[in-house]
Every structure is written in structure tokens, then in C-alpha cells.
Amino acid sequence: MAEWITWQLPALVILVPFTAAPFAYLLGTGYGRQTALLSAVLSQPLAVLLALTVMREGTIRYEVGGWGGPLGIDFVADGFTATMVLVTSVVGLFVTVYGLS
């Protein structure tokens, strides 16, 4: 199971906030705030895990739907990408906490 999560990380880092955003809107101010905060908090370990995996194993290539490039979409996570995802998730957490206050 851990190997499955490792190779799905590029997609999970994107899907967690994009899936939680509509739910946060639809749930309104009460549970929507909790959903937004939960999404921002869950993004942290995913970003750290992505950075650690890239450091340990090198570049990760995720083919969306099993179709590689030029016909499909490839998510590629290298050192720079992992750093930017990590920085973005930390800033997103701070902005979410600030927005909830």
C-alpha cells in the first residue's frame, strides 16, 4: 500500500485541495471552514512525503489515465517541483488559518 501512495503522490497533492474546495463551499460557513482547514492540514504531510520521495528515488512521472505524453498528461515531480509544492502548501496553510480568523 505504501508503494501505491508513493507513486500516486503527484496526483494526490493536486486532488486533495481541488476535491475539498467544492465541499467547503457547499457546506457553508460552519463545516466549510473545518473542511478548508482539514484540506490545508492534509496537504502538509503529502507535500513532505512527495519531497522525501523525490529526494530518495529521484524524479517521479505520473501518467494521468495511463496515457503518456504527447497524447495524455504527465505529472512530473522533480526536486524543484517538490520544493515549490512544499512552499505552496505551507503558505496555503497560513493563508487558510488567517482567512478563518
N, C-alpha and C. Protein backbone atom coordinates (compact mmCIF):
# COMPACT_ATOMS: atom_id res chain seq x y z
N MET A 1 0.82 -1.20 0.00
CA MET A 1 0.00 0.00 0.00
C MET A 1 0.86 1.25 0.00
N ALA A 2 1.96 1.22 0.73
CA ALA A 2 2.82 2.40 0.79
C ALA A 2 3.39 2.72 -0.58
N GLU A 3 3.68 1.68 -1.36
CA GLU A 3 4.22 1.92 -2.71
C GLU A 3 3.17 2.56 -3.60
N TRP A 4 1.90 2.16 -3.46
CA TRP A 4 0.83 2.75 -4.24
C TRP A 4 0.72 4.25 -3.95
N ILE A 5 0.77 4.61 -2.68
CA ILE A 5 0.66 6.02 -2.29
C ILE A 5 1.85 6.80 -2.82
N THR A 6 3.04 6.19 -2.78
CA THR A 6 4.24 6.87 -3.25
C THR A 6 4.11 7.25 -4.72
N TRP A 7 3.62 6.36 -5.54
CA TRP A 7 3.54 6.67 -6.97
C TRP A 7 2.29 7.48 -7.32
N GLN A 8 1.34 7.61 -6.42
CA GLN A 8 0.16 8.44 -6.65
C GLN A 8 0.33 9.85 -6.10
N LEU A 9 1.44 10.13 -5.44
CA LEU A 9 1.64 11.41 -4.77
C LEU A 9 1.45 12.63 -5.68
N PRO A 10 2.01 12.65 -6.89
CA PRO A 10 1.78 13.84 -7.72
C PRO A 10 0.30 14.14 -7.95
N ALA A 11 -0.50 13.09 -8.10
CA ALA A 11 -1.93 13.31 -8.29
C ALA A 11 -2.62 13.67 -6.98
N LEU A 12 -2.25 13.04 -5.88
CA LEU A 12 -2.89 13.30 -4.58
C LEU A 12 -2.64 14.73 -4.11
N VAL A 13 -1.46 15.25 -4.36
CA VAL A 13 -1.14 16.61 -3.93
C VAL A 13 -2.07 17.61 -4.62
N ILE A 14 -2.48 17.30 -5.82
CA ILE A 14 -3.40 18.19 -6.56
C ILE A 14 -4.85 17.89 -6.20
N LEU A 15 -5.20 16.62 -6.08
CA LEU A 15 -6.60 16.25 -5.88
C LEU A 15 -7.16 16.58 -4.51
N VAL A 16 -6.35 16.54 -3.47
CA VAL A 16 -6.88 16.80 -2.12
C VAL A 16 -7.48 18.21 -2.02
N PRO A 17 -6.74 19.28 -2.37
CA PRO A 17 -7.36 20.61 -2.26
C PRO A 17 -8.48 20.84 -3.28
N PHE A 18 -8.31 20.31 -4.51
CA PHE A 18 -9.33 20.52 -5.53
C PHE A 18 -10.61 19.75 -5.24
N THR A 19 -10.52 18.66 -4.52
CA THR A 19 -11.72 17.93 -4.13
C THR A 19 -12.38 18.57 -2.92
N ALA A 20 -11.58 19.08 -2.00
CA ALA A 20 -12.14 19.67 -0.79
C ALA A 20 -12.76 21.04 -1.03
N ALA A 21 -12.29 21.78 -2.02
CA ALA A 21 -12.79 23.14 -2.25
C ALA A 21 -14.29 23.19 -2.54
N PRO A 22 -14.83 22.36 -3.44
CA PRO A 22 -16.29 22.42 -3.64
C PRO A 22 -17.08 22.02 -2.40
N PHE A 23 -16.55 21.04 -1.66
CA PHE A 23 -17.24 20.64 -0.43
C PHE A 23 -17.24 21.77 0.60
N ALA A 24 -16.12 22.48 0.70
CA ALA A 24 -16.06 23.60 1.64
C ALA A 24 -17.07 24.68 1.26
N TYR A 25 -17.23 24.92 -0.01
CA TYR A 25 -18.20 25.91 -0.46
C TYR A 25 -19.64 25.43 -0.20
N LEU A 26 -19.92 24.19 -0.54
CA LEU A 26 -21.28 23.68 -0.41
C LEU A 26 -21.71 23.50 1.05
N LEU A 27 -20.76 23.24 1.93
CA LEU A 27 -21.10 23.03 3.35
C LEU A 27 -21.36 24.34 4.09
N GLY A 28 -21.03 25.45 3.50
CA GLY A 28 -21.30 26.74 4.14
C GLY A 28 -20.24 27.12 5.15
N THR A 29 -20.55 28.15 5.94
CA THR A 29 -19.54 28.71 6.83
C THR A 29 -19.19 27.79 7.99
N GLY A 30 -20.10 26.98 8.46
CA GLY A 30 -19.82 26.13 9.61
C GLY A 30 -18.83 25.02 9.30
N TYR A 31 -19.30 24.02 8.57
CA TYR A 31 -18.46 22.88 8.24
C TYR A 31 -17.50 23.20 7.09
N GLY A 32 -17.81 24.20 6.32
CA GLY A 32 -16.92 24.59 5.23
C GLY A 32 -15.57 25.07 5.74
N ARG A 33 -15.58 25.79 6.85
CA ARG A 33 -14.33 26.24 7.46
C ARG A 33 -13.50 25.06 7.93
N GLN A 34 -14.16 24.10 8.54
CA GLN A 34 -13.44 22.92 9.02
C GLN A 34 -12.90 22.10 7.85
N THR A 35 -13.66 22.02 6.77
CA THR A 35 -13.20 21.30 5.59
C THR A 35 -11.99 21.97 4.96
N ALA A 36 -12.02 23.29 4.88
CA ALA A 36 -10.87 24.03 4.31
C ALA A 36 -9.63 23.83 5.17
N LEU A 37 -9.79 23.91 6.47
CA LEU A 37 -8.66 23.71 7.37
C LEU A 37 -8.13 22.28 7.30
N LEU A 38 -9.03 21.31 7.25
CA LEU A 38 -8.62 19.92 7.14
C LEU A 38 -7.85 19.67 5.84
N SER A 39 -8.31 20.26 4.76
CA SER A 39 -7.61 20.12 3.48
C SER A 39 -6.22 20.73 3.53
N ALA A 40 -6.10 21.90 4.14
CA ALA A 40 -4.80 22.56 4.24
C ALA A 40 -3.86 21.76 5.13
N VAL A 41 -4.39 21.17 6.19
CA VAL A 41 -3.55 20.37 7.09
C VAL A 41 -3.15 19.06 6.41
N LEU A 42 -4.06 18.43 5.67
CA LEU A 42 -3.74 17.17 4.99
C LEU A 42 -2.73 17.37 3.86
N SER A 43 -2.67 18.56 3.31
CA SER A 43 -1.71 18.84 2.24
C SER A 43 -0.28 18.85 2.74
N GLN A 44 -0.09 19.14 4.02
CA GLN A 44 1.27 19.21 4.58
C GLN A 44 2.00 17.87 4.52
N PRO A 45 1.44 16.80 5.08
CA PRO A 45 2.18 15.53 5.02
C PRO A 45 2.34 15.01 3.60
N LEU A 46 1.37 15.29 2.72
CA LEU A 46 1.52 14.87 1.34
C LEU A 46 2.68 15.59 0.67
N ALA A 47 2.82 16.89 0.92
CA ALA A 47 3.92 17.65 0.33
C ALA A 47 5.27 17.19 0.88
N VAL A 48 5.32 16.94 2.17
CA VAL A 48 6.58 16.46 2.78
C VAL A 48 6.91 15.07 2.24
N LEU A 49 5.92 14.21 2.13
CA LEU A 49 6.16 12.87 1.61
C LEU A 49 6.61 12.91 0.15
N LEU A 50 6.05 13.82 -0.62
CA LEU A 50 6.48 13.98 -2.01
C LEU A 50 7.93 14.43 -2.07
N ALA A 51 8.29 15.41 -1.24
CA ALA A 51 9.68 15.90 -1.23
C ALA A 51 10.64 14.80 -0.80
N LEU A 52 10.29 14.04 0.22
CA LEU A 52 11.16 12.96 0.67
C LEU A 52 11.29 11.86 -0.38
N THR A 53 10.20 11.54 -1.05
CA THR A 53 10.24 10.51 -2.08
C THR A 53 11.10 10.95 -3.26
N VAL A 54 10.99 12.20 -3.66
CA VAL A 54 11.81 12.71 -4.76
C VAL A 54 13.27 12.73 -4.36
N MET A 55 13.56 13.10 -3.11
CA MET A 55 14.95 13.08 -2.65
C MET A 55 15.51 11.66 -2.65
N ARG A 56 14.70 10.70 -2.26
CA ARG A 56 15.17 9.32 -2.13
C ARG A 56 15.22 8.60 -3.47
N GLU A 57 14.20 8.77 -4.31
CA GLU A 57 14.08 7.97 -5.52
C GLU A 57 14.31 8.73 -6.81
N GLY A 58 14.39 10.05 -6.75
CA GLY A 58 14.57 10.83 -7.97
C GLY A 58 13.24 11.27 -8.55
N THR A 59 13.27 11.63 -9.80
CA THR A 59 12.09 12.17 -10.47
C THR A 59 10.97 11.14 -10.55
N ILE A 60 9.75 11.60 -10.27
CA ILE A 60 8.56 10.75 -10.36
C ILE A 60 7.74 11.23 -11.55
N ARG A 61 7.34 10.30 -12.40
CA ARG A 61 6.49 10.63 -13.54
C ARG A 61 5.17 9.90 -13.37
N TYR A 62 4.07 10.64 -13.38
CA TYR A 62 2.74 10.07 -13.22
C TYR A 62 1.96 10.33 -14.50
N GLU A 63 1.53 9.26 -15.15
CA GLU A 63 0.76 9.39 -16.38
C GLU A 63 -0.72 9.34 -16.03
N VAL A 64 -1.43 10.42 -16.29
CA VAL A 64 -2.85 10.50 -15.97
C VAL A 64 -3.63 9.57 -16.90
N GLY A 65 -4.37 8.65 -16.32
CA GLY A 65 -5.17 7.72 -17.10
C GLY A 65 -4.35 6.66 -17.81
N GLY A 66 -3.06 6.56 -17.52
CA GLY A 66 -2.22 5.58 -18.18
C GLY A 66 -1.74 6.01 -19.56
N TRP A 67 -2.09 7.20 -19.96
CA TRP A 67 -1.66 7.71 -21.26
C TRP A 67 -0.47 8.63 -21.03
N GLY A 68 0.63 8.31 -21.64
CA GLY A 68 1.80 9.17 -21.54
C GLY A 68 1.71 10.34 -22.52
N GLY A 69 2.78 11.16 -22.47
CA GLY A 69 2.80 12.31 -23.35
C GLY A 69 2.84 11.90 -24.78
N PRO A 70 2.71 12.39 -25.80
CA PRO A 70 2.04 13.55 -26.35
C PRO A 70 0.52 13.43 -26.38
N LEU A 71 -0.03 12.22 -26.14
CA LEU A 71 -1.49 12.07 -26.17
C LEU A 71 -2.14 12.37 -24.84
N GLY A 72 -1.43 12.15 -23.76
CA GLY A 72 -2.02 12.32 -22.43
C GLY A 72 -1.31 13.40 -21.64
N ILE A 73 -1.57 13.40 -20.34
CA ILE A 73 -0.99 14.38 -19.44
C ILE A 73 -0.03 13.66 -18.51
N ASP A 74 1.17 14.20 -18.36
CA ASP A 74 2.15 13.66 -17.42
C ASP A 74 2.36 14.66 -16.29
N PHE A 75 2.27 14.17 -15.06
CA PHE A 75 2.70 14.97 -13.91
C PHE A 75 4.11 14.52 -13.59
N VAL A 76 5.03 15.45 -13.56
CA VAL A 76 6.42 15.13 -13.27
C VAL A 76 6.83 15.86 -12.00
N ALA A 77 7.36 15.12 -11.05
CA ALA A 77 7.81 15.71 -9.79
C ALA A 77 9.32 15.51 -9.70
N ASP A 78 10.05 16.61 -9.76
CA ASP A 78 11.50 16.58 -9.56
C ASP A 78 11.81 17.42 -8.33
N GLY A 79 13.07 17.73 -8.11
CA GLY A 79 13.46 18.48 -6.91
C GLY A 79 12.82 19.85 -6.82
N PHE A 80 12.83 20.59 -7.93
CA PHE A 80 12.25 21.93 -7.93
C PHE A 80 10.74 21.88 -7.70
N THR A 81 10.08 20.94 -8.37
CA THR A 81 8.63 20.80 -8.21
C THR A 81 8.27 20.46 -6.77
N ALA A 82 9.00 19.54 -6.18
CA ALA A 82 8.72 19.15 -4.79
C ALA A 82 8.92 20.32 -3.84
N THR A 83 9.94 21.12 -4.09
CA THR A 83 10.18 22.31 -3.25
C THR A 83 9.04 23.31 -3.38
N MET A 84 8.60 23.55 -4.60
CA MET A 84 7.51 24.50 -4.82
C MET A 84 6.21 24.01 -4.23
N VAL A 85 5.94 22.72 -4.31
CA VAL A 85 4.73 22.15 -3.69
C VAL A 85 4.79 22.30 -2.18
N LEU A 86 5.95 22.06 -1.60
CA LEU A 86 6.12 22.20 -0.16
C LEU A 86 5.91 23.65 0.29
N VAL A 87 6.51 24.59 -0.41
CA VAL A 87 6.35 26.01 -0.08
C VAL A 87 4.90 26.44 -0.25
N THR A 88 4.27 26.01 -1.34
CA THR A 88 2.88 26.38 -1.59
C THR A 88 1.94 25.82 -0.53
N SER A 89 2.18 24.60 -0.10
CA SER A 89 1.30 24.02 0.92
C SER A 89 1.46 24.73 2.27
N VAL A 90 2.68 25.13 2.61
CA VAL A 90 2.89 25.86 3.88
C VAL A 90 2.22 27.23 3.81
N VAL A 91 2.41 27.93 2.70
CA VAL A 91 1.78 29.25 2.55
C VAL A 91 0.26 29.10 2.52
N GLY A 92 -0.24 28.06 1.85
CA GLY A 92 -1.68 27.81 1.82
C GLY A 92 -2.25 27.55 3.20
N LEU A 93 -1.50 26.84 4.04
CA LEU A 93 -1.97 26.60 5.41
C LEU A 93 -2.05 27.91 6.18
N PHE A 94 -1.02 28.75 6.07
CA PHE A 94 -1.04 30.04 6.77
C PHE A 94 -2.17 30.93 6.27
N VAL A 95 -2.40 30.95 4.97
CA VAL A 95 -3.48 31.77 4.42
C VAL A 95 -4.84 31.23 4.87
N THR A 96 -4.98 29.93 4.93
CA THR A 96 -6.25 29.35 5.40
C THR A 96 -6.51 29.68 6.85
N VAL A 97 -5.50 29.55 7.69
CA VAL A 97 -5.68 29.88 9.10
C VAL A 97 -5.99 31.36 9.27
N TYR A 98 -5.29 32.22 8.53
CA TYR A 98 -5.55 33.64 8.61
C TYR A 98 -6.97 33.97 8.11
N GLY A 99 -7.39 33.31 7.03
CA GLY A 99 -8.73 33.56 6.50
C GLY A 99 -9.83 33.11 7.42
N LEU A 100 -9.57 32.14 8.25
CA LEU A 100 -10.60 31.64 9.18
C LEU A 100 -10.74 32.51 10.43
N SER A 101 -9.74 33.35 10.68
CA SER A 101 -9.81 34.18 11.89
C SER A 101 -10.59 35.45 11.66
